[in-house]
């Protein structure tokens, strides 16, 4: 199961402690902050999967004297906005005693923010823990599935790359095979035809020179025809010459010095 990163921002930490412990027991990474400045810092610099944010920060001593109670009562929106700007996929939860206010509920609904009412009771704190646990469980499953899909897609991409490489090698192998077949055909046909011409010229003229010219001329004309029709390439012609040269050497070896 994927580990989630969760922010719990509330100036009354006791109200989110049960939820924090429950998420910790699920092996998630939970960051709990009790001041508005800390919450804003994390919201601006970190990416969270889930964020539980208090709406009013009346007991944050760092804010007293810096702003009015009216402003302190709506600071949660600023934290939630920063979190959403950093990661639009974060599941945001507004945790406040004033979530029964229709204006607050409507504003949260319009921004796809869940609302959980803070009741300052043990039952209320356990309710928050249960809800967040369920959300975290389902979100972890979704992330796990997404990770598996990504892994499968990567493996598929690798397989497709290997298939393309195999097809390229197969094409090259087929091309080499065709070249070899043409070369083999030339090795068989050219000497055979040239030899037939040699025998025919010899039988007709009984002249070795004419028979030899018929052999050489026939071989030359046949090779020229094969080159013109691209049945054999210049490289193949060179290979053929090497083969025929080796054949002739085997029939007419040089006599060694005595």
C-alpha atoms as a PDB file:
ATOM      1  CA  UNK A   1       0.000   0.000   0.000  1.00  0.00           C
ATOM      2  CA  UNK A   2       1.305   3.457  -0.899  1.00  0.00           C
ATOM      3  CA  UNK A   3       2.312   5.762   1.907  1.00  0.00           C
ATOM      4  CA  UNK A   4       0.426   9.060   1.893  1.00  0.00           C
ATOM      5  CA  UNK A   5       1.610  12.490   2.986  1.00  0.00           C
ATOM      6  CA  UNK A   6      -0.985  14.185   5.182  1.00  0.00           C
ATOM      7  CA  UNK A   7      -1.167  17.651   6.740  1.00  0.00           C
ATOM      8  CA  UNK A   8      -3.189  18.265   9.910  1.00  0.00           C
ATOM      9  CA  UNK A   9      -3.309  21.981  10.608  1.00  0.00           C
ATOM     10  CA  UNK A  10      -5.246  23.022  13.736  1.00  0.00           C
ATOM     11  CA  UNK A  11      -4.437  25.499  16.493  1.00  0.00           C
ATOM     12  CA  UNK A  12      -6.051  23.027  18.913  1.00  0.00           C
ATOM     13  CA  UNK A  13      -3.910  19.946  18.369  1.00  0.00           C
ATOM     14  CA  UNK A  14      -5.935  17.833  20.775  1.00  0.00           C
ATOM     15  CA  UNK A  15      -8.832  17.927  18.319  1.00  0.00           C
ATOM     16  CA  UNK A  16      -6.832  16.141  15.589  1.00  0.00           C
ATOM     17  CA  UNK A  17      -4.682  13.903  17.801  1.00  0.00           C
ATOM     18  CA  UNK A  18      -6.859  10.788  17.427  1.00  0.00           C
ATOM     19  CA  UNK A  19      -6.877  11.167  13.658  1.00  0.00           C
ATOM     20  CA  UNK A  20      -3.116  11.738  13.626  1.00  0.00           C
ATOM     21  CA  UNK A  21      -2.477   8.560  15.634  1.00  0.00           C
ATOM     22  CA  UNK A  22      -4.829   6.524  13.448  1.00  0.00           C
ATOM     23  CA  UNK A  23      -3.056   7.661  10.288  1.00  0.00           C
ATOM     24  CA  UNK A  24       0.340   7.026  11.849  1.00  0.00           C
ATOM     25  CA  UNK A  25      -0.797   3.474  12.655  1.00  0.00           C
ATOM     26  CA  UNK A  26      -1.585   3.094   8.953  1.00  0.00           C
ATOM     27  CA  UNK A  27       2.088   3.992   8.241  1.00  0.00           C
ATOM     28  CA  UNK A  28       1.265   7.312   6.601  1.00  0.00           C
ATOM     29  CA  UNK A  29       3.504  10.373   6.863  1.00  0.00           C
ATOM     30  CA  UNK A  30       1.560  12.847   9.015  1.00  0.00           C
ATOM     31  CA  UNK A  31       2.658  16.432   9.623  1.00  0.00           C
ATOM     32  CA  UNK A  32       0.749  18.161  12.423  1.00  0.00           C
ATOM     33  CA  UNK A  33       1.094  21.928  12.919  1.00  0.00           C
ATOM     34  CA  UNK A  34      -0.536  24.200  15.494  1.00  0.00           C
ATOM     35  CA  UNK A  35       0.311  27.681  14.172  1.00  0.00           C
ATOM     36  CA  UNK A  36      -0.939  29.461  11.109  1.00  0.00           C
ATOM     37  CA  UNK A  37       2.571  30.430   9.988  1.00  0.00           C
ATOM     38  CA  UNK A  38       3.711  26.786  10.091  1.00  0.00           C
ATOM     39  CA  UNK A  39       0.644  25.703   8.167  1.00  0.00           C
ATOM     40  CA  UNK A  40       1.255  28.312   5.479  1.00  0.00           C
ATOM     41  CA  UNK A  41       4.909  27.301   5.179  1.00  0.00           C
ATOM     42  CA  UNK A  42       4.068  23.640   4.645  1.00  0.00           C
ATOM     43  CA  UNK A  43       1.183  24.471   2.311  1.00  0.00           C
ATOM     44  CA  UNK A  44       3.472  26.583   0.160  1.00  0.00           C
ATOM     45  CA  UNK A  45       6.453  24.235   0.057  1.00  0.00           C
ATOM     46  CA  UNK A  46       5.103  20.685   0.314  1.00  0.00           C
ATOM     47  CA  UNK A  47       2.722  18.508  -1.679  1.00  0.00           C
ATOM     48  CA  UNK A  48       0.106  16.611   0.322  1.00  0.00           C
ATOM     49  CA  UNK A  49      -2.304  13.832  -0.532  1.00  0.00           C
ATOM     50  CA  UNK A  50      -4.731  14.837   2.232  1.00  0.00           C
ATOM     51  CA  UNK A  51      -5.011  18.076   4.225  1.00  0.00           C
ATOM     52  CA  UNK A  52      -7.185  18.557   7.327  1.00  0.00           C
ATOM     53  CA  UNK A  53      -7.363  22.284   8.040  1.00  0.00           C
ATOM     54  CA  UNK A  54      -9.074  24.262  10.784  1.00  0.00           C
ATOM     55  CA  UNK A  55     -10.987  27.326   9.650  1.00  0.00           C
ATOM     56  CA  UNK A  56     -10.461  29.635  12.616  1.00  0.00           C
ATOM     57  CA  UNK A  57      -7.118  30.203  14.349  1.00  0.00           C
ATOM     58  CA  UNK A  58      -8.323  32.086  17.425  1.00  0.00           C
ATOM     59  CA  UNK A  59      -5.969  30.366  19.894  1.00  0.00           C
ATOM     60  CA  UNK A  60      -2.824  30.954  17.832  1.00  0.00           C
ATOM     61  CA  UNK A  61      -0.924  33.319  20.121  1.00  0.00           C
ATOM     62  CA  UNK A  62       1.439  34.312  17.318  1.00  0.00           C
ATOM     63  CA  UNK A  63      -1.459  35.945  15.490  1.00  0.00           C
ATOM     64  CA  UNK A  64      -2.818  37.977  18.360  1.00  0.00           C
ATOM     65  CA  UNK A  65      -2.092  41.644  17.883  1.00  0.00           C
ATOM     66  CA  UNK A  66      -1.322  41.062  14.195  1.00  0.00           C
ATOM     67  CA  UNK A  67      -4.891  40.761  12.962  1.00  0.00           C
ATOM     68  CA  UNK A  68      -8.491  41.001  14.103  1.00  0.00           C
ATOM     69  CA  UNK A  69     -10.635  38.104  15.331  1.00  0.00           C
ATOM     70  CA  UNK A  70     -12.687  38.383  12.161  1.00  0.00           C
ATOM     71  CA  UNK A  71      -9.642  37.756   9.992  1.00  0.00           C
ATOM     72  CA  UNK A  72      -8.348  35.003  12.282  1.00  0.00           C
ATOM     73  CA  UNK A  73     -11.684  33.238  11.882  1.00  0.00           C
ATOM     74  CA  UNK A  74     -11.224  32.605   8.129  1.00  0.00           C
ATOM     75  CA  UNK A  75      -7.510  31.875   7.767  1.00  0.00           C
ATOM     76  CA  UNK A  76      -8.208  28.249   6.938  1.00  0.00           C
ATOM     77  CA  UNK A  77      -9.297  29.271   3.440  1.00  0.00           C
ATOM     78  CA  UNK A  78      -5.842  30.721   2.725  1.00  0.00           C
ATOM     79  CA  UNK A  79      -4.162  27.478   3.768  1.00  0.00           C
ATOM     80  CA  UNK A  80      -6.527  25.403   1.669  1.00  0.00           C
ATOM     81  CA  UNK A  81      -6.048  27.661  -1.354  1.00  0.00           C
ATOM     82  CA  UNK A  82      -2.262  27.324  -1.145  1.00  0.00           C
ATOM     83  CA  UNK A  83      -2.531  23.546  -0.853  1.00  0.00           C
ATOM     84  CA  UNK A  84      -4.796  23.346  -3.874  1.00  0.00           C
ATOM     85  CA  UNK A  85      -2.454  25.587  -5.905  1.00  0.00           C
ATOM     86  CA  UNK A  86       0.463  23.305  -5.066  1.00  0.00           C
ATOM     87  CA  UNK A  87      -1.423  20.100  -5.851  1.00  0.00           C
ATOM     88  CA  UNK A  88      -4.949  20.226  -7.355  1.00  0.00           C
ATOM     89  CA  UNK A  89      -5.419  16.541  -6.511  1.00  0.00           C
ATOM     90  CA  UNK A  90      -5.060  16.990  -2.745  1.00  0.00           C
ATOM     91  CA  UNK A  91      -8.117  15.834  -0.804  1.00  0.00           C
ATOM     92  CA  UNK A  92      -8.928  18.900   1.335  1.00  0.00           C
ATOM     93  CA  UNK A  93     -10.983  18.688   4.515  1.00  0.00           C
ATOM     94  CA  UNK A  94     -12.285  21.742   6.355  1.00  0.00           C
ATOM     95  CA  UNK A  95     -12.496  20.906  10.060  1.00  0.00           C
ATOM     96  CA  UNK A  96     -14.415  23.558  11.980  1.00  0.00           C
ATOM     97  CA  UNK A  97     -17.201  24.057  14.484  1.00  0.00           C
ATOM     98  CA  UNK A  98     -18.813  26.422  11.981  1.00  0.00           C
ATOM     99  CA  UNK A  99     -19.335  23.985   9.133  1.00  0.00           C
ATOM    100  CA  UNK A 100     -23.052  24.082   9.920  1.00  0.00           C
ATOM    101  CA  UNK A 101     -23.076  27.617   8.518  1.00  0.00           C
ATOM    102  CA  UNK A 102     -24.684  27.401   5.032  1.00  0.00           C
ATOM    103  CA  UNK A 103     -22.339  30.066   3.640  1.00  0.00           C
ATOM    104  CA  UNK A 104     -19.277  28.097   4.725  1.00  0.00           C
ATOM    105  CA  UNK A 105     -20.729  24.825   3.478  1.00  0.00           C
ATOM    106  CA  UNK A 106     -21.594  26.349   0.103  1.00  0.00           C
ATOM    107  CA  UNK A 107     -18.154  27.897  -0.290  1.00  0.00           C
ATOM    108  CA  UNK A 108     -16.511  24.568   0.534  1.00  0.00           C
ATOM    109  CA  UNK A 109     -18.762  22.664  -1.861  1.00  0.00           C
ATOM    110  CA  UNK A 110     -17.935  25.052  -4.699  1.00  0.00           C
ATOM    111  CA  UNK A 111     -14.235  24.368  -4.134  1.00  0.00           C
ATOM    112  CA  UNK A 112     -14.608  20.582  -3.738  1.00  0.00           C
ATOM    113  CA  UNK A 113     -13.661  20.720  -0.067  1.00  0.00           C
ATOM    114  CA  UNK A 114     -15.064  18.202   2.410  1.00  0.00           C
ATOM    115  CA  UNK A 115     -16.572  19.577   5.604  1.00  0.00           C
ATOM    116  CA  UNK A 116     -16.377  17.875   9.006  1.00  0.00           C
ATOM    117  CA  UNK A 117     -17.835  19.621  12.018  1.00  0.00           C
ATOM    118  CA  UNK A 118     -15.624  20.022  15.071  1.00  0.00           C
ATOM    119  CA  UNK A 119     -17.673  19.126  18.162  1.00  0.00           C
ATOM    120  CA  UNK A 120     -14.973  19.305  20.887  1.00  0.00           C
ATOM    121  CA  UNK A 121     -15.962  15.855  22.154  1.00  0.00           C
ATOM    122  CA  UNK A 122     -14.305  12.455  22.153  1.00  0.00           C
ATOM    123  CA  UNK A 123     -16.962  11.177  19.767  1.00  0.00           C
ATOM    124  CA  UNK A 124     -16.303  14.107  17.422  1.00  0.00           C
ATOM    125  CA  UNK A 125     -12.574  13.482  17.406  1.00  0.00           C
ATOM    126  CA  UNK A 126     -13.087   9.771  16.739  1.00  0.00           C
ATOM    127  CA  UNK A 127     -15.499  10.627  13.938  1.00  0.00           C
ATOM    128  CA  UNK A 128     -12.793  12.750  12.289  1.00  0.00           C
ATOM    129  CA  UNK A 129     -10.328   9.872  12.692  1.00  0.00           C
ATOM    130  CA  UNK A 130     -12.735   7.374  11.115  1.00  0.00           C
ATOM    131  CA  UNK A 131     -13.539   9.609   8.152  1.00  0.00           C
ATOM    132  CA  UNK A 132      -9.910  10.432   7.424  1.00  0.00           C
ATOM    133  CA  UNK A 133      -8.933   6.761   7.756  1.00  0.00           C
ATOM    134  CA  UNK A 134     -11.534   5.778   5.153  1.00  0.00           C
ATOM    135  CA  UNK A 135     -10.424   8.528   2.781  1.00  0.00           C
ATOM    136  CA  UNK A 136      -6.765   7.597   3.253  1.00  0.00           C
ATOM    137  CA  UNK A 137      -7.502   3.911   2.669  1.00  0.00           C
ATOM    138  CA  UNK A 138      -9.315   4.510  -0.616  1.00  0.00           C
ATOM    139  CA  UNK A 139      -6.796   7.099  -1.777  1.00  0.00           C
ATOM    140  CA  UNK A 140      -3.899   4.718  -1.055  1.00  0.00           C
ATOM    141  CA  UNK A 141      -5.642   2.005  -3.098  1.00  0.00           C
ATOM    142  CA  UNK A 142      -6.106   4.435  -5.995  1.00  0.00           C
ATOM    143  CA  UNK A 143      -2.461   5.463  -5.866  1.00  0.00           C
ATOM    144  CA  UNK A 144      -1.396   1.841  -5.710  1.00  0.00           C
ATOM    145  CA  UNK A 145      -3.490   1.028  -8.782  1.00  0.00           C
ATOM    146  CA  UNK A 146      -2.136   4.083 -10.581  1.00  0.00           C
ATOM    147  CA  UNK A 147       1.397   2.968  -9.728  1.00  0.00           C
ATOM    148  CA  UNK A 148       0.695  -0.508 -11.069  1.00  0.00           C
ATOM    149  CA  UNK A 149      -0.781   0.904 -14.261  1.00  0.00           C
ATOM    150  CA  UNK A 150       2.272   3.111 -14.692  1.00  0.00           C
ATOM    151  CA  UNK A 151       4.545   0.110 -14.169  1.00  0.00           C
ATOM    152  CA  UNK A 152       2.574  -1.913 -16.718  1.00  0.00           C
ATOM    153  CA  UNK A 153       2.735   0.954 -19.211  1.00  0.00           C
ATOM    154  CA  UNK A 154       6.502   1.188 -18.758  1.00  0.00           C
ATOM    155  CA  UNK A 155       6.879  -2.556 -19.256  1.00  0.00           C
ATOM    156  CA  UNK A 156       4.646  -2.373 -22.320  1.00  0.00           C
ATOM    157  CA  UNK A 157       6.733   0.456 -23.734  1.00  0.00           C
ATOM    158  CA  UNK A 158       9.900  -1.581 -23.153  1.00  0.00           C
ATOM    159  CA  UNK A 159       8.296  -4.589 -24.841  1.00  0.00           C
ATOM    160  CA  UNK A 160       7.246  -2.466 -27.824  1.00  0.00           C
ATOM    161  CA  UNK A 161      10.793  -1.116 -28.091  1.00  0.00           C
ATOM    162  CA  UNK A 162      12.160  -4.661 -28.093  1.00  0.00           C
ATOM    163  CA  UNK A 163       9.602  -5.672 -30.724  1.00  0.00           C
ATOM    164  CA  UNK A 164      10.673  -2.761 -32.931  1.00  0.00           C
ATOM    165  CA  UNK A 165      14.327  -3.730 -32.461  1.00  0.00           C
ATOM    166  CA  UNK A 166      13.482  -7.348 -33.307  1.00  0.00           C
ATOM    167  CA  UNK A 167      11.574  -6.295 -36.424  1.00  0.00           C
ATOM    168  CA  UNK A 168      14.523  -4.147 -37.490  1.00  0.00           C
ATOM    169  CA  UNK A 169      16.925  -7.054 -36.978  1.00  0.00           C
ATOM    170  CA  UNK A 170      14.552  -9.385 -38.820  1.00  0.00           C
ATOM    171  CA  UNK A 171      14.363  -6.965 -41.751  1.00  0.00           C
ATOM    172  CA  UNK A 172      18.137  -6.725 -41.834  1.00  0.00           C
ATOM    173  CA  UNK A 173      18.434 -10.510 -41.612  1.00  0.00           C
ATOM    174  CA  UNK A 174      15.910 -10.969 -44.449  1.00  0.00           C
ATOM    175  CA  UNK A 175      17.848  -8.482 -46.543  1.00  0.00           C
ATOM    176  CA  UNK A 176      21.121 -10.305 -45.896  1.00  0.00           C
ATOM    177  CA  UNK A 177      19.419 -13.607 -46.658  1.00  0.00           C
ATOM    178  CA  UNK A 178      18.187 -12.260 -49.994  1.00  0.00           C
ATOM    179  CA  UNK A 179      21.671 -10.990 -50.800  1.00  0.00           C
ATOM    180  CA  UNK A 180      23.142 -14.369 -49.900  1.00  0.00           C
ATOM    181  CA  UNK A 181      20.570 -16.229 -52.015  1.00  0.00           C
ATOM    182  CA  UNK A 182      21.308 -14.005 -54.996  1.00  0.00           C
ATOM    183  CA  UNK A 183      25.035 -14.473 -54.476  1.00  0.00           C
ATOM    184  CA  UNK A 184      24.604 -18.225 -54.149  1.00  0.00           C
ATOM    185  CA  UNK A 185      22.538 -18.281 -57.338  1.00  0.00           C
ATOM    186  CA  UNK A 186      25.197 -16.288 -59.147  1.00  0.00           C
ATOM    187  CA  UNK A 187      27.934 -18.613 -57.909  1.00  0.00           C
ATOM    188  CA  UNK A 188      25.984 -21.526 -59.302  1.00  0.00           C
ATOM    189  CA  UNK A 189      24.694 -19.987 -62.526  1.00  0.00           C
ATOM    190  CA  UNK A 190      27.652 -17.945 -63.814  1.00  0.00           C
ATOM    191  CA  UNK A 191      30.272 -20.730 -63.797  1.00  0.00           C
ATOM    192  CA  UNK A 192      27.742 -23.237 -65.117  1.00  0.00           C
ATOM    193  CA  UNK A 193      26.652 -21.061 -68.048  1.00  0.00           C
ATOM    194  CA  UNK A 194      30.238 -20.038 -68.777  1.00  0.00           C
ATOM    195  CA  UNK A 195      31.347 -23.681 -68.737  1.00  0.00           C
ATOM    196  CA  UNK A 196      28.513 -24.663 -71.087  1.00  0.00           C
ATOM    197  CA  UNK A 197      29.633 -21.915 -73.479  1.00  0.00           C
ATOM    198  CA  UNK A 198      33.214 -23.152 -73.190  1.00  0.00           C
ATOM    199  CA  UNK A 199      32.197 -26.725 -74.050  1.00  0.00           C
ATOM    200  CA  UNK A 200      29.968 -25.563 -76.902  1.00  0.00           C
ATOM    201  CA  UNK A 201      32.693 -23.362 -78.400  1.00  0.00           C
ATOM    202  CA  UNK A 202      35.238 -26.145 -78.055  1.00  0.00           C
ATOM    203  CA  UNK A 203      32.980 -28.678 -79.747  1.00  0.00           C
ATOM    204  CA  UNK A 204      32.212 -26.286 -82.576  1.00  0.00           C
ATOM    205  CA  UNK A 205      35.692 -24.903 -83.196  1.00  0.00           C
ATOM    206  CA  UNK A 206      38.155 -27.212 -81.463  1.00  0.00           C
ATOM    207  CA  UNK A 207      39.998 -23.978 -80.635  1.00  0.00           C
ATOM    208  CA  UNK A 208      41.040 -23.515 -77.002  1.00  0.00           C
ATOM    209  CA  UNK A 209      41.415 -19.753 -77.383  1.00  0.00           C
ATOM    210  CA  UNK A 210      37.911 -19.345 -78.783  1.00  0.00           C
ATOM    211  CA  UNK A 211      36.495 -21.646 -76.120  1.00  0.00           C
ATOM    212  CA  UNK A 212      38.274 -19.639 -73.435  1.00  0.00           C
ATOM    213  CA  UNK A 213      36.993 -16.354 -74.895  1.00  0.00           C
ATOM    214  CA  UNK A 214      33.486 -17.831 -74.931  1.00  0.00           C
ATOM    215  CA  UNK A 215      33.888 -18.803 -71.283  1.00  0.00           C
ATOM    216  CA  UNK A 216      35.175 -15.356 -70.218  1.00  0.00           C
ATOM    217  CA  UNK A 217      32.784 -13.399 -72.444  1.00  0.00           C
ATOM    218  CA  UNK A 218      29.787 -15.416 -71.360  1.00  0.00           C
ATOM    219  CA  UNK A 219      30.659 -14.974 -67.705  1.00  0.00           C
ATOM    220  CA  UNK A 220      31.193 -11.228 -68.203  1.00  0.00           C
ATOM    221  CA  UNK A 221      27.916 -10.727 -70.079  1.00  0.00           C
ATOM    222  CA  UNK A 222      25.975 -12.745 -67.506  1.00  0.00           C
ATOM    223  CA  UNK A 223      27.490 -10.752 -64.632  1.00  0.00           C
ATOM    224  CA  UNK A 224      26.670  -7.502 -66.447  1.00  0.00           C
ATOM    225  CA  UNK A 225      23.092  -8.686 -66.848  1.00  0.00           C
ATOM    226  CA  UNK A 226      22.860  -9.592 -63.144  1.00  0.00           C
ATOM    227  CA  UNK A 227      24.222  -6.170 -62.186  1.00  0.00           C
ATOM    228  CA  UNK A 228      21.839  -4.351 -64.540  1.00  0.00           C
ATOM    229  CA  UNK A 229      18.816  -6.183 -63.143  1.00  0.00           C
ATOM    230  CA  UNK A 230      20.131  -5.663 -59.571  1.00  0.00           C
ATOM    231  CA  UNK A 231      20.056  -9.387 -59.005  1.00  0.00           C
ATOM    232  CA  UNK A 232      23.530  -8.899 -57.576  1.00  0.00           C
ATOM    233  CA  UNK A 233      25.204  -5.807 -56.082  1.00  0.00           C
ATOM    234  CA  UNK A 234      28.745  -4.568 -56.689  1.00  0.00           C
ATOM    235  CA  UNK A 235      29.609  -5.796 -53.225  1.00  0.00           C
ATOM    236  CA  UNK A 236      28.120  -9.157 -54.089  1.00  0.00           C
ATOM    237  CA  UNK A 237      30.093  -9.134 -57.337  1.00  0.00           C
ATOM    238  CA  UNK A 238      33.297  -8.632 -55.362  1.00  0.00           C
ATOM    239  CA  UNK A 239      32.356 -11.495 -53.071  1.00  0.00           C
ATOM    240  CA  UNK A 240      31.586 -13.639 -56.134  1.00  0.00           C
ATOM    241  CA  UNK A 241      34.981 -12.768 -57.615  1.00  0.00           C
ATOM    242  CA  UNK A 242      36.682 -13.797 -54.417  1.00  0.00           C
ATOM    243  CA  UNK A 243      34.798 -17.083 -54.401  1.00  0.00           C
ATOM    244  CA  UNK A 244      35.604 -17.829 -58.061  1.00  0.00           C
ATOM    245  CA  UNK A 245      39.212 -16.845 -57.464  1.00  0.00           C
ATOM    246  CA  UNK A 246      39.460 -19.323 -54.628  1.00  0.00           C
ATOM    247  CA  UNK A 247      37.871 -21.994 -56.806  1.00  0.00           C
ATOM    248  CA  UNK A 248      40.377 -21.384 -59.600  1.00  0.00           C
ATOM    249  CA  UNK A 249      43.238 -21.451 -57.122  1.00  0.00           C
ATOM    250  CA  UNK A 250      42.065 -24.838 -55.932  1.00  0.00           C
ATOM    251  CA  UNK A 251      42.073 -26.187 -59.499  1.00  0.00           C
ATOM    252  CA  UNK A 252      45.293 -24.478 -60.593  1.00  0.00           C
ATOM    253  CA  UNK A 253      47.550 -24.228 -57.544  1.00  0.00           C
ATOM    254  CA  UNK A 254      50.888 -22.501 -57.986  1.00  0.00           C
ATOM    255  CA  UNK A 255      53.764 -24.906 -58.142  1.00  0.00           C
ATOM    256  CA  UNK A 256      56.089 -24.505 -55.199  1.00  0.00           C
ATOM    257  CA  UNK A 257      59.775 -23.836 -55.642  1.00  0.00           C
ATOM    258  CA  UNK A 258      61.943 -27.032 -55.807  1.00  0.00           C
END
